[in-house]
Protein backbone atom coordinates (compact mmCIF):
# COMPACT_ATOMS: atom_id res chain seq x y z
CA MET A 1 -77.97 8.10 -106.18
CA LEU A 2 -79.32 7.74 -109.69
CA TYR A 3 -76.45 9.80 -110.88
CA ALA A 4 -73.70 7.41 -109.03
CA THR A 5 -75.58 4.25 -110.08
CA LYS A 6 -75.81 5.33 -113.97
CA MET A 7 -71.95 6.41 -113.90
CA ASN A 8 -70.74 3.37 -112.27
CA LEU A 9 -73.08 0.52 -113.12
CA HIS A 10 -71.06 -0.78 -116.11
CA ARG A 11 -68.30 -1.60 -113.68
CA PHE A 12 -70.33 -3.85 -111.43
CA VAL A 13 -70.42 -7.39 -112.76
CA HIS A 14 -71.70 -9.02 -109.77
CA ILE A 15 -75.37 -9.24 -108.45
CA ARG A 16 -74.07 -8.79 -104.89
CA GLN A 17 -72.28 -5.48 -105.76
CA LEU A 18 -75.50 -4.38 -107.70
CA VAL A 19 -77.13 -4.84 -104.38
CA GLU A 20 -74.81 -2.73 -102.57
CA ILE A 21 -75.61 0.12 -105.19
CA ILE A 22 -79.21 -0.12 -105.11
CA ASN A 23 -79.39 -0.67 -101.13
CA ASP A 24 -82.71 -2.60 -101.69
CA ASP A 25 -82.76 -6.15 -102.42
CA ARG A 26 -86.41 -6.24 -103.35
CA ALA A 27 -85.31 -3.95 -106.22
CA LEU A 28 -83.07 -6.55 -107.32
CA LEU A 29 -85.72 -8.81 -107.60
CA ILE A 30 -87.61 -6.34 -109.83
CA PHE A 31 -84.47 -6.05 -111.95
CA VAL A 32 -84.22 -9.65 -112.13
CA CYS A 33 -87.95 -9.84 -113.44
CA ASN A 34 -87.36 -7.46 -116.20
CA PHE A 35 -84.78 -9.66 -117.65
CA VAL A 36 -87.41 -12.13 -117.67
CA LEU A 37 -86.00 -14.14 -114.52
CA ILE A 38 -82.22 -13.56 -114.80
CA LYS A 39 -81.93 -16.90 -112.56
CA GLU A 40 -82.22 -18.82 -115.93
CA LEU A 41 -79.38 -17.56 -117.18
CA LEU A 42 -77.12 -17.95 -114.00
CA PRO A 43 -76.26 -20.42 -111.07
CA ARG A 44 -77.72 -18.59 -107.94
CA LYS A 45 -74.87 -19.64 -106.13
CA LYS A 46 -71.99 -17.90 -108.56
CA TYR A 47 -74.16 -14.73 -108.91
CA GLN A 48 -72.17 -13.86 -112.23
CA ILE A 49 -74.04 -11.70 -114.68
CA HIS A 50 -74.75 -13.05 -118.06
CA PRO A 51 -73.08 -10.97 -120.98
CA ALA A 52 -76.55 -11.01 -122.71
CA ILE A 53 -78.05 -9.12 -120.05
CA MET A 54 -75.61 -6.49 -119.79
CA SER A 55 -76.87 -4.05 -122.76
CA SER A 56 -79.80 -1.90 -121.87
CA THR A 57 -78.87 -2.41 -118.13
CA TRP A 58 -79.15 1.42 -117.28
CA LEU A 59 -82.61 1.52 -118.58
CA VAL A 60 -84.00 -1.51 -116.67
CA LEU A 61 -82.27 -0.21 -113.43
CA SER A 62 -83.90 3.13 -113.94
CA LEU A 63 -87.01 1.28 -114.07
CA THR A 64 -86.05 -0.62 -111.11
CA LEU A 65 -85.22 2.25 -108.88
CA LEU A 66 -88.86 3.86 -109.86
CA GLN A 67 -90.65 0.76 -108.74
CA MET A 68 -88.79 0.58 -105.29
CA MET A 69 -90.83 0.81 -102.07
CA SER A 70 -89.60 2.18 -98.82
CA THR A 71 -88.69 -0.58 -96.44
CA SER A 72 -87.37 1.62 -93.70
CA GLY A 73 -89.91 -0.05 -91.40
CA THR A 74 -88.36 -3.67 -91.88
CA ARG A 75 -86.66 -5.14 -89.20
CA LYS A 76 -83.12 -6.21 -90.07
CA PHE A 77 -82.58 -10.22 -89.71
CA GLY A 78 -78.95 -10.51 -90.43
CA CYS A 79 -79.01 -13.24 -92.94
CA LYS A 80 -76.26 -13.87 -95.65
CA ASN A 81 -78.32 -14.30 -98.57
CA SER A 82 -78.67 -10.79 -100.03
CA LEU A 83 -80.89 -12.18 -102.92
CA ILE A 84 -84.04 -12.60 -100.25
CA SER A 85 -85.07 -9.48 -98.83
CA ASP A 86 -85.81 -8.72 -95.07
CA GLU A 87 -89.21 -7.73 -96.07
CA TRP A 88 -89.84 -11.17 -97.44
CA ARG A 89 -88.66 -12.65 -94.34
CA GLU A 90 -90.75 -10.52 -92.22
CA LYS A 91 -93.73 -11.39 -94.12
CA VAL A 92 -93.19 -14.93 -94.07
CA ILE A 93 -92.85 -15.27 -90.32
CA ARG A 94 -95.50 -13.10 -89.75
CA ILE A 95 -98.07 -15.15 -91.46
CA HIS A 96 -96.92 -17.96 -89.73
CA ASN A 97 -97.00 -16.27 -86.23
CA ASP A 98 -100.22 -14.42 -86.81
CA ASN A 99 -102.02 -17.83 -87.75
CA ARG A 100 -100.33 -19.94 -84.56
CA ARG A 101 -101.66 -16.95 -82.35
CA LYS A 102 -105.17 -17.28 -83.97
CA LEU A 103 -105.28 -21.08 -83.12
CA ALA A 104 -103.90 -20.56 -79.65
CA LYS A 105 -106.42 -18.23 -78.78
CA GLY A 106 -108.96 -20.49 -79.88
CA LYS A 107 -110.19 -18.41 -83.13
CA GLN A 108 -109.42 -20.88 -85.79
CA GLN A 109 -111.97 -22.41 -87.58
CA GLY A 110 -111.60 -26.02 -88.47
CA LYS A 111 -113.72 -28.82 -90.22
CA ASN A 112 -116.64 -28.89 -88.05
CA GLY A 113 -116.15 -25.96 -85.88
CA VAL A 114 -113.64 -23.67 -83.75
CA LEU A 115 -110.15 -25.65 -83.19
CA PRO A 116 -109.70 -25.72 -79.40
CA VAL A 117 -107.30 -23.49 -77.76
CA SER A 118 -103.30 -24.38 -77.40
CA THR A 119 -101.75 -24.07 -73.96
CA ASN A 120 -98.21 -24.29 -75.23
CA THR A 121 -97.84 -22.90 -79.01
CA GLN A 122 -94.24 -21.48 -79.31
CA LEU A 123 -93.64 -17.99 -81.21
CA LEU A 124 -91.45 -18.72 -84.15
CA HIS A 125 -88.03 -17.24 -84.52
CA TRP A 126 -86.48 -16.81 -87.96
CA ASP A 127 -83.23 -18.86 -87.98
CA CYS A 128 -80.66 -17.61 -90.62
CA SER A 129 -78.73 -21.00 -90.52
CA MET A 130 -82.04 -22.79 -91.17
CA GLU A 131 -82.86 -20.60 -94.02
CA GLU A 132 -79.58 -21.65 -95.50
CA MET A 133 -80.10 -25.24 -94.87
CA ALA A 134 -83.43 -24.31 -96.74
CA GLU A 135 -81.63 -22.85 -99.52
CA THR A 136 -79.59 -26.10 -99.90
CA ALA A 137 -82.73 -28.22 -100.02
CA ALA A 138 -84.46 -26.23 -102.59
CA ILE A 139 -81.36 -25.73 -105.09
CA SER A 140 -82.67 -26.69 -108.50
CA CYS A 141 -86.35 -27.02 -107.17
CA PRO A 142 -86.23 -30.56 -106.48
CA THR A 143 -89.64 -32.62 -106.81
CA THR A 144 -88.79 -34.37 -103.31
CA PRO A 145 -86.39 -32.28 -101.22
CA THR A 146 -83.99 -33.65 -98.87
CA GLN A 147 -85.15 -33.37 -95.25
CA PRO A 148 -82.19 -31.84 -93.25
CA THR A 149 -80.99 -33.30 -90.20
CA ILE A 150 -80.94 -30.88 -86.98
CA PRO A 151 -77.13 -30.11 -86.37
CA GLY A 152 -75.67 -31.92 -83.41
CA GLY A 153 -78.44 -34.78 -83.68
CA ASN A 154 -80.38 -37.32 -85.44
CA ASP A 155 -83.97 -35.51 -85.52
CA LYS A 156 -84.95 -33.92 -88.77
CA PHE A 157 -86.55 -30.37 -89.36
CA GLY A 158 -90.04 -30.40 -90.39
CA LEU A 159 -90.09 -29.49 -94.14
CA THR A 160 -93.07 -28.02 -96.50
CA PHE A 161 -92.51 -26.89 -100.01
CA GLU A 162 -94.49 -25.91 -103.06
CA SER A 163 -93.90 -25.28 -106.53
CA THR A 164 -96.37 -23.02 -108.81
CA ASN A 165 -95.94 -21.75 -112.16
CA LEU A 166 -95.41 -17.98 -112.68
CA LYS A 167 -98.32 -16.58 -114.82
CA GLY A 168 -97.77 -13.75 -117.15
CA LYS A 169 -95.33 -11.02 -115.83
CA GLU A 170 -95.82 -12.01 -111.96
CA CYS A 171 -92.76 -11.06 -110.21
CA ASP A 172 -93.48 -10.07 -106.79
CA SER A 173 -92.01 -12.65 -104.66
CA ILE A 174 -93.69 -11.34 -101.35
CA ALA A 175 -97.17 -11.39 -102.81
CA THR A 176 -96.69 -14.78 -104.75
CA THR A 177 -95.10 -16.46 -101.26
CA ALA A 178 -97.86 -15.22 -98.92
CA ARG A 179 -100.58 -16.48 -101.31
CA LEU A 180 -99.05 -19.96 -101.14
CA ILE A 181 -98.25 -20.02 -97.34
CA LYS A 182 -101.44 -18.44 -96.54
CA ALA A 183 -103.16 -21.51 -98.48
CA TRP A 184 -101.14 -23.86 -96.53
CA TRP A 185 -102.84 -22.84 -93.44
CA THR A 186 -106.45 -22.14 -94.54
CA GLU A 187 -106.70 -25.24 -96.67
CA GLY A 188 -105.21 -27.43 -93.98
CA ALA A 189 -107.33 -25.86 -91.22
CA LYS A 190 -110.55 -27.17 -93.02
CA LYS A 191 -109.34 -30.85 -92.55
CA GLN A 192 -108.74 -30.57 -89.03
CA THR A 193 -111.42 -31.41 -86.51
CA ASN A 194 -109.27 -30.97 -83.19
CA GLU A 195 -105.64 -30.87 -82.19
CA ASN A 196 -104.45 -34.18 -83.25
CA PHE A 197 -102.47 -34.78 -86.29
CA GLU A 198 -104.32 -35.33 -89.53
CA GLN A 199 -102.88 -37.88 -92.42
CA ASN A 200 -102.11 -35.84 -95.42
CA ASN A 201 -102.23 -32.44 -93.93
CA ASP A 202 -98.50 -32.07 -93.55
CA LYS A 203 -98.20 -28.40 -94.47
CA PHE A 204 -100.81 -27.11 -91.78
CA SER A 205 -99.42 -29.65 -89.06
CA GLN A 206 -95.68 -28.20 -89.70
CA MET A 207 -96.97 -24.54 -89.64
CA ALA A 208 -99.30 -25.50 -86.29
CA PHE A 209 -96.89 -28.08 -84.42
CA SER A 210 -96.52 -26.08 -80.98
CA GLY A 211 -93.30 -27.35 -80.06
CA SER A 212 -91.41 -25.47 -83.13
CA LYS A 213 -89.73 -22.37 -82.12
CA GLY A 214 -86.98 -21.87 -85.08
CA LEU A 215 -88.25 -21.24 -88.89
CA GLY A 216 -86.15 -20.71 -92.01
CA CYS A 217 -87.64 -20.27 -95.61
CA THR A 218 -86.24 -19.74 -99.09
CA TYR A 219 -87.67 -19.35 -102.82
CA GLN A 220 -86.14 -20.38 -106.00
CA THR A 221 -86.84 -19.48 -109.45
CA CYS A 222 -86.42 -22.32 -111.88
CA GLY A 223 -87.79 -21.28 -115.52
CA ARG A 224 -91.10 -20.28 -114.96
CA GLN A 225 -91.52 -22.25 -111.88
CA PHE A 226 -91.65 -20.40 -108.35
CA TYR A 227 -90.44 -22.60 -105.69
CA VAL A 228 -91.14 -22.00 -101.78
CA LEU A 229 -89.60 -24.19 -99.22
CA CYS A 230 -89.63 -23.80 -95.29
CA LEU A 231 -87.81 -25.55 -92.49
CA TYR A 232 -89.25 -25.74 -88.97
CA GLY A 233 -87.41 -26.42 -85.70
CA GLU A 234 -89.37 -29.79 -85.03
CA ASP A 235 -90.64 -32.29 -87.63
CA ALA A 236 -94.45 -32.18 -86.80
CA VAL A 237 -95.00 -35.84 -88.66
CA THR A 238 -92.56 -37.49 -86.08
CA LYS A 239 -93.10 -35.35 -82.99
CA ALA A 240 -96.87 -35.60 -83.16
CA ALA A 241 -96.64 -39.31 -83.35
CA ALA A 242 -94.50 -39.56 -80.27
CA ALA A 243 -97.05 -37.08 -78.42
CA ASN A 244 -100.29 -39.33 -78.47
CA ASN A 245 -100.58 -37.99 -82.18
CA LYS A 246 -101.27 -34.19 -81.02
CA LEU A 247 -100.07 -31.21 -82.80
CA TYR A 248 -100.44 -29.13 -79.36
CA THR A 249 -101.87 -29.18 -76.11
CA ALA A 250 -105.68 -28.73 -76.02
CA SER A 251 -107.49 -26.66 -73.34
CA THR A 252 -109.61 -28.67 -71.06
CA SER A 253 -111.11 -25.70 -69.36
CA ASN A 254 -114.38 -24.06 -69.64
CA PRO A 255 -114.08 -21.39 -70.91
CA GLN A 256 -111.18 -22.55 -72.87
CA ILE A 257 -109.49 -19.04 -73.14
CA ASN A 258 -108.44 -19.30 -69.61
CA ASP A 259 -105.79 -21.67 -70.33
CA VAL A 260 -103.88 -19.66 -72.99
CA CYS A 261 -100.20 -19.98 -72.40
CA LYS A 262 -101.14 -22.23 -69.34
CA ASP A 263 -98.13 -24.38 -69.99
CA CYS A 264 -95.61 -21.88 -71.36
CA GLY A 265 -93.71 -21.99 -68.03
CA ASN A 266 -91.96 -19.04 -66.43
CA ASN A 267 -88.73 -17.33 -66.29
CA ALA A 268 -86.06 -17.04 -63.76
CA ALA A 269 -87.65 -14.20 -62.34
CA GLY A 270 -91.14 -16.25 -62.17
CA LYS A 271 -92.91 -14.41 -64.77
CA LEU A 272 -94.89 -16.44 -67.29
CA GLU A 273 -92.88 -16.46 -70.58
CA CYS A 274 -95.89 -15.52 -72.99
CA GLU A 275 -96.95 -12.79 -75.37
CA ASP A 276 -100.12 -12.42 -77.01
CA ALA A 277 -100.89 -16.24 -76.70
CA LEU A 278 -97.72 -17.57 -77.82
CA CYS A 279 -94.82 -18.47 -75.41
CA THR A 280 -91.63 -16.87 -75.45
CA PRO A 281 -88.89 -18.58 -73.90
CA ALA A 282 -85.32 -17.58 -75.26
CA TYR A 283 -84.44 -18.90 -78.34
CA THR A 284 -81.06 -20.26 -79.35
CA PRO A 285 -80.42 -20.00 -82.98
CA ILE A 286 -79.23 -23.21 -84.78
CA VAL A 287 -75.39 -23.51 -85.37
CA ILE A 288 -74.40 -25.27 -88.41
CA THR A 289 -71.28 -27.58 -87.47
CA THR A 290 -70.87 -29.45 -90.55
CA GLY A 291 -70.31 -28.66 -94.18
CA ASN A 292 -68.34 -29.15 -96.95
CA VAL A 293 -65.02 -27.53 -95.36
CA CYS A 294 -65.06 -30.40 -92.90
CA PRO A 295 -68.07 -33.02 -93.23
CA THR A 296 -66.48 -35.12 -90.26
CA CYS A 297 -66.00 -32.18 -87.82
CA THR A 298 -67.91 -32.48 -84.54
CA LYS A 299 -67.03 -29.52 -82.56
CA ASP A 300 -69.15 -26.46 -81.71
CA VAL A 301 -67.56 -24.47 -84.53
CA PRO A 302 -69.73 -22.72 -86.84
CA GLU A 303 -69.33 -23.73 -90.25
CA ASP A 304 -68.67 -20.11 -91.25
CA VAL A 305 -65.74 -19.94 -88.87
CA ARG A 306 -64.31 -22.81 -90.78
CA VAL A 307 -64.85 -21.28 -94.48
CA THR A 308 -63.64 -18.14 -92.95
CA ALA A 309 -60.46 -19.26 -91.67
CA LEU A 310 -59.52 -21.59 -94.37
CA ASP A 311 -60.47 -18.93 -97.14
CA MET A 312 -58.41 -16.12 -95.08
CA HIS A 313 -55.18 -18.44 -94.88
CA ASN A 314 -55.37 -19.35 -98.58
CA TYR A 315 -55.99 -15.90 -99.67
CA TYR A 316 -53.00 -14.67 -98.08
CA ARG A 317 -50.85 -17.80 -99.22
CA ARG A 318 -51.84 -16.97 -102.34
CA LEU A 319 -51.24 -13.37 -102.39
CA LEU A 320 -47.60 -14.27 -101.02
CA ALA A 321 -47.18 -16.80 -103.78
CA THR A 322 -48.01 -14.81 -106.82
CA GLY A 323 -45.87 -11.89 -105.59
CA TRP A 324 -48.67 -9.39 -104.68
CA ALA A 325 -48.17 -9.47 -100.82
CA GLU A 326 -46.69 -6.21 -99.56
CA ASP A 327 -43.29 -6.21 -97.74
CA LYS A 328 -42.11 -3.08 -96.17
CA LYS A 329 -38.56 -3.67 -96.95
CA ILE A 330 -38.97 -4.52 -100.67
CA LYS A 331 -42.23 -3.32 -101.61
CA TYR A 332 -43.46 -6.61 -102.54
CA ALA A 333 -42.38 -9.80 -100.83
CA LYS A 334 -40.89 -12.42 -103.50
CA PRO A 335 -43.12 -14.91 -105.00
CA ALA A 336 -43.42 -18.25 -103.40
CA THR A 337 -42.51 -21.32 -106.00
CA GLU A 338 -44.14 -24.09 -104.19
CA MET A 339 -46.67 -23.12 -101.63
CA ASN A 340 -49.30 -25.53 -100.80
CA ALA A 341 -53.18 -24.89 -100.69
CA LEU A 342 -54.11 -25.77 -97.11
CA VAL A 343 -56.95 -27.90 -96.28
CA TYR A 344 -59.13 -28.01 -93.17
CA ASP A 345 -58.54 -30.72 -90.71
CA LYS A 346 -60.85 -32.19 -87.89
CA ASP A 347 -58.20 -33.12 -85.81
CA LEU A 348 -56.42 -29.74 -85.51
CA GLU A 349 -59.91 -28.26 -84.84
CA ASP A 350 -60.63 -30.63 -82.01
CA ASP A 351 -57.08 -29.69 -80.47
CA ALA A 352 -57.71 -25.81 -80.89
CA TYR A 353 -61.31 -26.24 -79.44
CA ASN A 354 -60.51 -28.22 -76.53
CA PHE A 355 -57.42 -25.80 -75.65
CA ILE A 356 -59.80 -22.75 -75.54
CA ASN A 357 -62.60 -24.78 -73.76
CA PRO A 358 -60.61 -26.44 -71.14
CA ASN A 359 -63.45 -27.07 -68.54
CA PRO A 360 -66.75 -27.13 -70.61
CA ASN A 361 -68.37 -28.75 -67.90
CA GLN A 362 -67.33 -26.41 -65.27
CA THR A 363 -68.20 -22.84 -63.94
CA PRO A 364 -66.27 -20.78 -64.27
CA ASN A 365 -64.62 -21.86 -67.62
CA PRO A 366 -62.18 -19.03 -68.47
CA CYS A 367 -60.57 -18.42 -71.93
CA PRO A 368 -56.97 -19.02 -72.19
CA THR A 369 -54.99 -15.64 -72.48
CA ALA A 370 -51.68 -17.17 -74.27
CA PRO A 371 -50.86 -19.69 -76.71
CA GLU A 372 -50.65 -23.36 -75.59
CA GLY A 373 -46.89 -23.75 -76.59
CA ASN A 374 -44.04 -24.98 -78.72
CA ILE A 375 -46.36 -26.42 -81.59
CA GLY A 376 -47.88 -25.19 -84.89
CA GLU A 377 -50.20 -22.43 -83.37
CA SER A 378 -51.56 -19.09 -84.05
CA PHE A 379 -53.36 -17.42 -81.09
CA TRP A 380 -55.28 -13.94 -81.08
CA SER A 381 -57.13 -12.28 -78.04
CA GLY A 382 -59.28 -9.64 -78.68
CA ASN A 383 -62.88 -7.51 -78.30
CA TYR A 384 -65.44 -9.68 -77.06
CA LYS A 385 -68.02 -7.72 -78.79
CA VAL A 386 -67.24 -8.66 -82.24
CA THR A 387 -68.71 -11.87 -84.21
CA ASN A 388 -67.09 -15.08 -84.43
CA GLU A 389 -66.15 -14.27 -88.22
CA GLU A 390 -65.02 -10.80 -87.43
CA ALA A 391 -62.78 -12.38 -84.75
CA VAL A 392 -61.07 -14.60 -87.30
CA LYS A 393 -60.84 -11.95 -89.93
CA GLU A 394 -59.28 -9.62 -87.17
CA ALA A 395 -56.83 -12.19 -86.00
CA MET A 396 -55.69 -13.23 -89.37
CA LYS A 397 -54.96 -9.37 -90.20
CA VAL A 398 -52.92 -9.18 -86.96
CA TRP A 399 -50.82 -12.59 -88.04
CA TRP A 400 -50.06 -11.33 -91.43
CA GLY A 401 -49.31 -7.73 -90.37
CA PRO A 402 -45.69 -7.85 -89.76
CA LEU A 403 -44.94 -8.41 -93.19
CA GLU A 404 -46.38 -5.06 -94.27
CA SER A 405 -45.23 -3.04 -91.08
CA THR A 406 -41.79 -4.56 -90.68
CA GLY A 407 -41.05 -6.58 -93.76
CA LEU A 408 -39.05 -9.95 -94.53
CA GLY A 409 -36.98 -8.44 -97.20
CA ASP A 410 -34.61 -10.91 -98.64
CA ASN A 411 -34.09 -12.99 -95.71
CA LEU A 412 -36.73 -15.67 -95.38
CA GLU A 413 -35.06 -17.68 -92.86
CA TYR A 414 -37.02 -18.55 -89.62
CA THR A 415 -34.82 -17.62 -87.19
CA SER A 416 -34.88 -17.79 -83.24
CA ASP A 417 -35.52 -13.63 -83.35
CA ARG A 418 -38.54 -14.42 -85.70
CA ASP A 419 -39.80 -17.27 -83.52
CA ASN A 420 -39.77 -15.12 -80.24
CA GLY A 421 -41.22 -11.87 -82.17
CA ALA A 422 -43.81 -10.61 -84.37
CA PHE A 423 -43.09 -13.04 -87.20
CA LYS A 424 -44.22 -16.22 -85.16
CA TYR A 425 -47.66 -16.19 -86.42
CA PHE A 426 -47.30 -14.89 -89.49
CA ALA A 427 -44.72 -17.90 -90.37
CA ASN A 428 -47.45 -20.24 -89.33
CA VAL A 429 -49.89 -18.50 -92.20
CA ALA A 430 -47.17 -18.31 -94.73
CA HIS A 431 -44.80 -21.45 -94.45
CA ASP A 432 -45.02 -23.05 -97.55
CA GLN A 433 -44.72 -26.70 -96.57
CA THR A 434 -48.14 -26.85 -94.36
CA LYS A 435 -50.77 -28.31 -95.59
CA LYS A 436 -53.46 -28.70 -93.18
CA VAL A 437 -55.16 -26.15 -90.48
CA GLY A 438 -57.90 -26.06 -88.04
CA CYS A 439 -59.45 -23.34 -85.92
CA ALA A 440 -61.70 -22.68 -83.07
CA VAL A 441 -63.16 -19.40 -81.57
CA ARG A 442 -64.83 -18.67 -78.22
CA THR A 443 -66.09 -15.70 -76.51
CA CYS A 444 -65.83 -15.08 -72.80
CA ASN A 445 -67.76 -12.29 -71.62
CA ASP A 446 -66.79 -12.38 -67.76
CA GLN A 447 -63.63 -11.81 -69.22
CA GLY A 448 -64.29 -9.53 -71.86
CA ILE A 449 -62.48 -11.26 -74.57
CA THR A 450 -62.86 -13.52 -77.67
CA VAL A 451 -60.04 -15.81 -78.64
CA VAL A 452 -58.88 -17.51 -81.68
CA ASP A 453 -56.74 -20.48 -82.07
CA CYS A 454 -55.53 -21.96 -85.17
CA ARG A 455 -53.53 -25.35 -85.50
CA TYR A 456 -51.36 -26.45 -88.32
CA ASN A 457 -50.15 -29.90 -89.08
CA ALA A 458 -46.52 -29.31 -88.11
CA ALA A 459 -44.79 -26.29 -86.56
CA ILE A 460 -41.90 -24.36 -88.56
CA GLY A 461 -38.31 -25.38 -87.42
CA GLY A 462 -35.58 -23.24 -86.70
CA GLY A 463 -33.16 -22.30 -89.41
CA VAL A 464 -35.44 -23.26 -92.31
CA ASP A 465 -36.86 -20.79 -94.95
CA ILE A 466 -40.49 -19.51 -94.21
CA TYR A 467 -40.86 -20.31 -97.93
CA LYS A 468 -39.25 -21.19 -101.09
CA ALA A 469 -38.87 -17.85 -103.01
CA GLY A 470 -38.51 -17.92 -107.22
CA LYS A 471 -39.62 -15.80 -109.94
CA MET A 472 -43.21 -17.76 -110.42
CA PRO A 473 -45.63 -19.42 -108.30
CA CYS A 474 -46.25 -23.49 -108.88
CA LYS A 475 -42.64 -23.84 -110.46
CA PRO A 476 -42.50 -26.52 -109.58
CA CYS A 477 -45.17 -27.65 -107.32
CA PRO A 478 -44.44 -30.51 -104.93
CA SER A 479 -45.06 -34.17 -105.91
CA GLY A 480 -48.94 -35.21 -105.78
CA THR A 481 -49.96 -31.37 -106.38
CA ALA A 482 -50.72 -29.44 -109.07
CA CYS A 483 -51.33 -25.65 -109.68
CA SER A 484 -54.83 -24.65 -108.80
CA LYS A 485 -57.25 -23.11 -111.35
CA LEU A 486 -57.07 -19.67 -109.57
CA GLY A 487 -53.00 -19.97 -109.62
CA GLY A 488 -50.63 -19.54 -107.02
CA LEU A 489 -51.30 -22.49 -104.59
CA CYS A 490 -50.38 -26.28 -104.99
CA GLU A 491 -53.25 -28.29 -104.50
CA ALA A 492 -53.44 -31.98 -103.68
CA THR A 493 -54.43 -34.32 -106.94
CA PRO A 494 -56.93 -36.87 -106.73
């Protein structure tokens, strides 16, 4: 591995690619620290390495690899941010659950003695969507971070954060984070006399609140500032106020230990949902349904699906516009001169969502197995075991496939044969006059299928060209648009 990395490192100009080579996110942090906090040199969201650090990269990377420790026992969380290691996540959630378990068992020392046993404290589950929202809240290390709203409602997540100055060559994010979070609990416990919410003890309250099931945390470095922020499934401050000022339900028995998990409830088989003093009902991860792609969208469509659908549509359209789309008949399809960049549309998403969820309040509610009809629509049905994002990607490949497998050649007209054949969905993706798209995905396990449905603002008419061909893209762009900075597509001007 050392040899391969040394030989190829100069080709890798993105941190995410370095992560793939190193295959250990924590090694990346050590790499970062050896460069005196690389995050000072680049925006975290762009991941572009500053040219000043490229010299002596191999020397530093060698040191990095030597410092790596095995994390083979670390469970996989499946979160997207590769700049945070699963070992870090595991440490954070273990500290939380170990302390909640200690409290639930009546072994937590408080201000005047041991705090009462809890009858209903939930096991915390790491939630990648909450981590993503924590990341957004923590950008630039704000002194007063915004408390995010739980998707689909008006309630807020619980939030705790702390900033500390890194000392000397302190670069171990796991140790630094653990030290901060442990202090939230130990210092907060010293202020607690019982199960009641205490003013000015918010960090402990959020960590201890029995009703929270989800947890998502992140960290940032801003200069020499190390910043940790955690989101909790319920906001202890507001929820405790609505529950007689209680962080949890305390045992009233003697001995109290008899009441551990008493209020956890039973599963469908009648078995108490409890494991080692914490309640363990099934956890449903948070789904982010709003974001920059479609802030007004309200359907239960993950933001990642929207992003993937929009980006892949525009990727293929740009490929075609710039003359790099493979066409079996002529090697490369002719460039498009006025290809619109698509934007995501709420109404089109609503139409797609309602079509694949025809009877949401009824059982059974089967997935459709064919498109709705003669409208601007692309439809795909496939493996039910794929994720929503994978389904969208696979659908896009299938819809675009006829260009590579059959080819358009010089004839770009949308004929009746193409309307009834393999090019029907390709034309929807490639039609240069289309401006809007909205999609939805649904898995129907009983049928063994996942379906993807995308809608477009207009159906392509028969007898018209799928797109206007020429020598160069954006020559000219339609009125009210200008060529995008990335080239190829005509974007609406403000």
